[in-house]
Amino acid sequence: MAPFLAYEDKGEDPTRLPLVLVHGHPFDRTMWTPQLETFSAGRRVIAPDLRGYGASPATPEVTRFEEFAQDITALLDDLEVDGCVLAGLSMGGQIAMDLVRQFPHRVRGLVLADTFPAPETPEGVRTRHAMADRLLREGMRGYADEVLGKMVAPYAAPQVKAHVHAMMTATRPASAAAALRARAARPDYRPLLTRVTVPALVVVGSDDTYTPVSDAAAMHAALPDSALHVIGNTAHMPNLESPEEFNGVLGKFLARVDPAGG
């Protein structure tokens, strides 16, 4: 039985597909605040805290990456949501891909933001385990201080920087470490992308060094029915760094996937 996840559930329109938003690591559902505020005016928007993040239970810790997708699907069952438009950023994008892999009938549209489908390299596996050990040893603050300038661009608004830093430092080290170890063993989603039958949107920040534009372009090329949008002057979190442009692109995609709502 999946743990009961904390979540936001705003807006309501039975004629429109719900939008489900999956946050990245090491964040929480508040990273989607600009999208929750905008899109809940016209449709149902659901944003869970992943297991171990935000207000969701930390135990049992995630041991297999696919458990994240199973948790979300269990939540959607509880909320009586059958089909949805599924959007994920960074690790959230990989969780979205895993949900498509396990439960393809639940996803009517797919949004992959600042993410990549390849499995970890041997070096990447070592790096993630080493970081997990470090977080358990030192906590989150030193890591958060180091990576803030890559999570959001150095020229991002001060309030965006503060929000991202606060999410990172609030994350439980044990939960972050467990997720890193599970993520190190995740599967290769590249073959899956070629079999995705629903419309997809690939979004990436122009200055993202974690998941560069080249990764986004490769996903766009692999997906049978996708659009690619690069958001200028943003790094790894364009939904927070440039919410107006991100929301505009997402809104157009929703109108295409769900013409009844738009």
Protein backbone atom coordinates (compact mmCIF):
# COMPACT_ATOMS: atom_id res chain seq x y z
CA MET A 1 0.00 0.00 0.00
CA ALA A 2 1.50 3.30 -1.05
CA PRO A 3 1.89 5.97 1.62
CA PHE A 4 -0.72 8.69 1.56
CA LEU A 5 0.88 11.64 -0.16
CA ALA A 6 0.38 15.27 0.76
CA TYR A 7 -0.91 17.19 -2.22
CA GLU A 8 -2.61 20.25 -3.65
CA ASP A 9 -5.89 19.66 -5.47
CA LYS A 10 -7.30 22.88 -6.88
CA GLY A 11 -9.88 23.76 -9.48
CA GLU A 12 -12.62 21.58 -10.90
CA ASP A 13 -14.07 21.04 -14.36
CA PRO A 14 -15.26 17.54 -15.25
CA THR A 15 -15.12 18.39 -18.97
CA ARG A 16 -11.37 18.97 -18.87
CA LEU A 17 -8.50 16.61 -18.21
CA PRO A 18 -6.86 17.15 -14.82
CA LEU A 19 -3.27 18.41 -14.89
CA VAL A 20 -0.92 16.46 -12.60
CA LEU A 21 2.40 18.12 -11.71
CA VAL A 22 5.39 16.13 -10.45
CA HIS A 23 8.16 18.06 -8.72
CA GLY A 24 11.88 17.46 -8.97
CA HIS A 25 14.65 16.71 -6.46
CA PRO A 26 15.15 17.99 -3.82
CA PHE A 27 12.02 20.14 -3.96
CA ASP A 28 8.33 19.89 -3.06
CA ARG A 29 4.98 20.70 -4.58
CA THR A 30 5.37 24.44 -3.95
CA MET A 31 7.72 24.59 -6.96
CA TRP A 32 4.51 24.45 -9.02
CA THR A 33 2.83 27.42 -7.31
CA PRO A 34 2.72 29.60 -10.48
CA GLN A 35 1.17 26.75 -12.45
CA LEU A 36 -1.33 25.84 -9.71
CA GLU A 37 -2.49 29.43 -9.49
CA THR A 38 -2.84 29.87 -13.25
CA PHE A 39 -4.35 26.62 -14.43
CA SER A 40 -6.68 25.86 -11.51
CA ALA A 41 -8.81 28.75 -12.73
CA GLY A 42 -9.97 26.54 -15.59
CA ARG A 43 -9.33 22.90 -14.71
CA ARG A 44 -8.41 20.56 -11.88
CA VAL A 45 -4.71 20.69 -11.00
CA ILE A 46 -3.09 18.14 -8.69
CA ALA A 47 0.45 18.54 -7.32
CA PRO A 48 1.65 15.90 -4.85
CA ASP A 49 4.64 15.92 -2.57
CA LEU A 50 6.65 12.84 -3.49
CA ARG A 51 7.27 10.29 -0.78
CA GLY A 52 9.82 11.71 1.64
CA TYR A 53 9.51 15.26 0.31
CA GLY A 54 7.53 18.22 1.61
CA ALA A 55 4.69 17.14 3.87
CA SER A 56 4.50 13.54 2.60
CA PRO A 57 5.51 10.63 4.83
CA ALA A 58 9.20 9.78 4.88
CA THR A 59 8.76 6.12 5.69
CA PRO A 60 9.07 3.66 4.24
CA GLU A 61 11.87 5.24 2.24
CA VAL A 62 11.85 4.80 -1.51
CA THR A 63 14.06 1.86 -2.47
CA ARG A 64 13.04 1.51 -6.12
CA PHE A 65 12.59 4.49 -8.40
CA GLU A 66 9.37 3.17 -9.89
CA GLU A 67 7.74 3.41 -6.46
CA PHE A 68 7.38 7.15 -7.02
CA ALA A 69 5.14 6.52 -10.04
CA GLN A 70 3.19 3.87 -8.15
CA ASP A 71 2.59 6.32 -5.29
CA ILE A 72 1.22 8.94 -7.68
CA THR A 73 -1.04 6.41 -9.37
CA ALA A 74 -2.36 5.29 -5.99
CA LEU A 75 -3.12 8.93 -5.18
CA LEU A 76 -4.93 9.37 -8.49
CA ASP A 77 -6.96 6.26 -7.66
CA ASP A 78 -7.91 7.81 -4.32
CA LEU A 79 -8.90 11.03 -6.08
CA GLU A 80 -10.86 9.12 -8.73
CA VAL A 81 -8.73 10.47 -11.56
CA ASP A 82 -8.53 8.07 -14.48
CA GLY A 83 -6.77 10.03 -17.23
CA CYS A 84 -4.69 13.17 -16.95
CA VAL A 85 -2.14 15.41 -18.54
CA LEU A 86 1.06 14.54 -16.69
CA ALA A 87 3.90 17.04 -16.31
CA GLY A 88 7.22 16.54 -14.56
CA LEU A 89 10.42 18.55 -14.19
CA SER A 90 13.89 17.04 -13.74
CA MET A 91 13.50 13.92 -11.57
CA GLY A 92 9.77 14.58 -11.84
CA GLY A 93 10.07 14.17 -15.59
CA GLN A 94 11.75 10.81 -15.13
CA ILE A 95 8.98 9.79 -12.74
CA ALA A 96 6.46 10.87 -15.38
CA MET A 97 8.24 8.64 -17.90
CA ASP A 98 8.12 5.75 -15.44
CA LEU A 99 4.41 6.32 -14.90
CA VAL A 100 3.91 6.14 -18.67
CA ARG A 101 5.97 2.92 -18.67
CA GLN A 102 3.87 1.28 -15.94
CA PHE A 103 0.46 2.87 -16.47
CA PRO A 104 0.29 4.19 -20.04
CA HIS A 105 -3.52 4.27 -20.07
CA ARG A 106 -3.52 6.95 -17.35
CA VAL A 107 -1.65 9.56 -19.41
CA ARG A 108 -3.43 11.54 -22.16
CA GLY A 109 -0.71 14.14 -22.59
CA LEU A 110 2.92 14.28 -21.40
CA VAL A 111 5.04 17.30 -20.46
CA LEU A 112 8.76 16.73 -19.89
CA ALA A 113 10.62 19.75 -18.55
CA ASP A 114 14.38 19.96 -17.98
CA THR A 115 14.83 16.22 -17.76
CA PHE A 116 16.52 13.38 -19.66
CA PRO A 117 15.65 9.73 -20.37
CA ALA A 118 19.04 7.99 -20.31
CA PRO A 119 20.03 5.70 -17.42
CA GLU A 120 22.92 6.57 -15.17
CA THR A 121 26.42 5.97 -16.42
CA PRO A 122 28.73 4.03 -14.11
CA GLU A 123 30.26 7.37 -13.10
CA GLY A 124 26.79 8.79 -12.51
CA VAL A 125 25.89 5.87 -10.26
CA ARG A 126 29.01 6.47 -8.17
CA THR A 127 28.32 10.19 -8.02
CA ARG A 128 24.74 9.73 -6.82
CA HIS A 129 25.75 7.26 -4.12
CA ALA A 130 28.55 9.56 -3.00
CA MET A 131 26.13 12.49 -2.81
CA ALA A 132 23.67 10.35 -0.84
CA ASP A 133 26.42 9.55 1.65
CA ARG A 134 27.35 13.23 1.86
CA LEU A 135 23.77 14.37 2.51
CA LEU A 136 23.42 11.84 5.32
CA ARG A 137 26.71 13.02 6.77
CA GLU A 138 26.39 16.79 6.33
CA GLY A 139 22.73 17.61 5.76
CA MET A 140 21.27 19.66 2.91
CA ARG A 141 22.54 23.21 3.42
CA GLY A 142 26.03 22.90 1.97
CA TYR A 143 24.68 21.10 -1.09
CA ALA A 144 21.93 23.68 -1.52
CA ASP A 145 24.43 26.55 -1.33
CA GLU A 146 26.63 24.90 -3.96
CA VAL A 147 23.99 24.07 -6.56
CA LEU A 148 21.62 27.03 -6.27
CA GLY A 149 23.40 28.82 -9.12
CA LYS A 150 22.74 25.83 -11.38
CA MET A 151 19.19 25.11 -10.27
CA VAL A 152 18.19 28.65 -11.19
CA ALA A 153 20.22 31.08 -13.25
CA PRO A 154 22.47 33.53 -11.36
CA TYR A 155 20.36 36.36 -12.76
CA ALA A 156 17.06 34.86 -11.52
CA ALA A 157 14.85 36.98 -9.30
CA PRO A 158 15.92 37.01 -5.63
CA GLN A 159 12.56 35.64 -4.48
CA VAL A 160 12.93 32.69 -6.86
CA LYS A 161 16.40 31.94 -5.54
CA ALA A 162 15.10 32.13 -1.96
CA HIS A 163 12.20 29.80 -2.70
CA VAL A 164 14.38 27.19 -4.39
CA HIS A 165 16.99 27.32 -1.64
CA ALA A 166 14.29 26.97 1.04
CA MET A 167 12.83 23.89 -0.64
CA MET A 168 16.23 22.24 -0.84
CA THR A 169 17.21 22.93 2.77
CA ALA A 170 13.80 21.77 4.05
CA THR A 171 14.14 18.34 2.42
CA ARG A 172 14.99 15.49 4.77
CA PRO A 173 18.54 14.25 4.12
CA ALA A 174 17.52 10.61 4.54
CA SER A 175 14.72 10.95 2.00
CA ALA A 176 16.94 12.77 -0.47
CA ALA A 177 19.63 10.12 -0.07
CA ALA A 178 17.15 7.27 -0.59
CA ALA A 179 15.83 8.91 -3.75
CA LEU A 180 19.35 9.39 -5.10
CA ARG A 181 20.16 5.71 -4.60
CA ALA A 182 16.89 4.64 -6.25
CA ARG A 183 17.45 7.08 -9.09
CA ALA A 184 20.91 5.66 -9.71
CA ALA A 185 19.30 2.35 -10.65
CA ARG A 186 16.43 3.68 -12.79
CA PRO A 187 15.84 2.14 -16.22
CA ASP A 188 16.60 3.52 -19.67
CA TYR A 189 13.53 5.44 -20.87
CA ARG A 190 14.83 6.18 -24.37
CA PRO A 191 13.11 3.18 -26.02
CA LEU A 192 9.90 4.08 -24.18
CA LEU A 193 9.81 7.56 -25.70
CA THR A 194 9.60 6.15 -29.21
CA ARG A 195 6.43 4.27 -28.20
CA VAL A 196 4.58 7.16 -26.54
CA THR A 197 1.32 7.55 -28.44
CA VAL A 198 -0.05 10.69 -26.75
CA PRO A 199 0.93 14.28 -27.55
CA ALA A 200 4.02 15.48 -25.71
CA LEU A 201 5.63 18.81 -24.89
CA VAL A 202 9.34 19.13 -24.18
CA VAL A 203 10.42 22.31 -22.38
CA VAL A 204 13.93 23.33 -21.32
CA GLY A 205 15.72 26.39 -20.03
CA SER A 206 18.26 27.77 -22.49
CA ASP A 207 20.98 27.93 -19.82
CA ASP A 208 20.27 24.61 -18.10
CA THR A 209 23.55 22.79 -17.50
CA TYR A 210 21.99 19.79 -15.75
CA THR A 211 19.77 18.89 -18.71
CA PRO A 212 20.97 20.95 -21.66
CA VAL A 213 19.01 21.89 -24.75
CA SER A 214 20.65 19.01 -26.62
CA ASP A 215 18.97 16.52 -24.26
CA ALA A 216 15.60 18.16 -24.84
CA ALA A 217 16.11 18.11 -28.61
CA ALA A 218 16.91 14.39 -28.48
CA MET A 219 13.72 13.67 -26.54
CA HIS A 220 11.73 15.76 -29.00
CA ALA A 221 13.22 13.77 -31.87
CA ALA A 222 12.42 10.44 -30.19
CA LEU A 223 8.80 11.22 -29.31
CA PRO A 224 6.42 10.50 -32.21
CA ASP A 225 4.18 13.53 -31.53
CA SER A 226 5.91 16.31 -29.65
CA ALA A 227 6.68 20.01 -29.58
CA LEU A 228 9.91 21.53 -28.25
CA HIS A 229 10.15 24.91 -26.56
CA VAL A 230 13.34 26.51 -25.24
CA ILE A 231 12.79 29.24 -22.65
CA GLY A 232 15.51 31.86 -22.85
CA ASN A 233 17.46 33.27 -19.91
CA THR A 234 16.51 30.45 -17.56
CA ALA A 235 18.34 27.47 -16.09
CA HIS A 236 16.92 24.26 -14.61
CA MET A 237 13.58 25.60 -13.33
CA PRO A 238 11.99 27.73 -16.04
CA ASN A 239 8.53 27.23 -14.53
CA LEU A 240 9.67 29.41 -11.61
CA GLU A 241 12.25 31.57 -13.37
CA SER A 242 9.98 32.55 -16.27
CA PRO A 243 6.48 31.46 -15.25
CA GLU A 244 4.62 33.61 -17.76
CA GLU A 245 6.37 32.05 -20.75
CA PHE A 246 6.25 28.55 -19.26
CA ASN A 247 2.53 28.89 -18.56
CA GLY A 248 1.88 30.25 -22.03
CA VAL A 249 3.51 27.24 -23.67
CA LEU A 250 1.80 24.81 -21.31
CA GLY A 251 -1.56 26.50 -21.88
CA LYS A 252 -1.25 26.09 -25.64
CA PHE A 253 -0.36 22.43 -25.18
CA LEU A 254 -3.35 21.85 -22.92
CA ALA A 255 -5.60 23.48 -25.51
CA ARG A 256 -4.29 21.06 -28.10
CA VAL A 257 -4.59 17.93 -25.94
CA ASP A 258 -7.90 18.92 -24.43
CA PRO A 259 -9.80 21.10 -26.92
CA ALA A 260 -12.93 21.06 -24.80
CA GLY A 261 -11.11 22.99 -22.11
CA GLY A 262 -8.12 24.75 -23.61
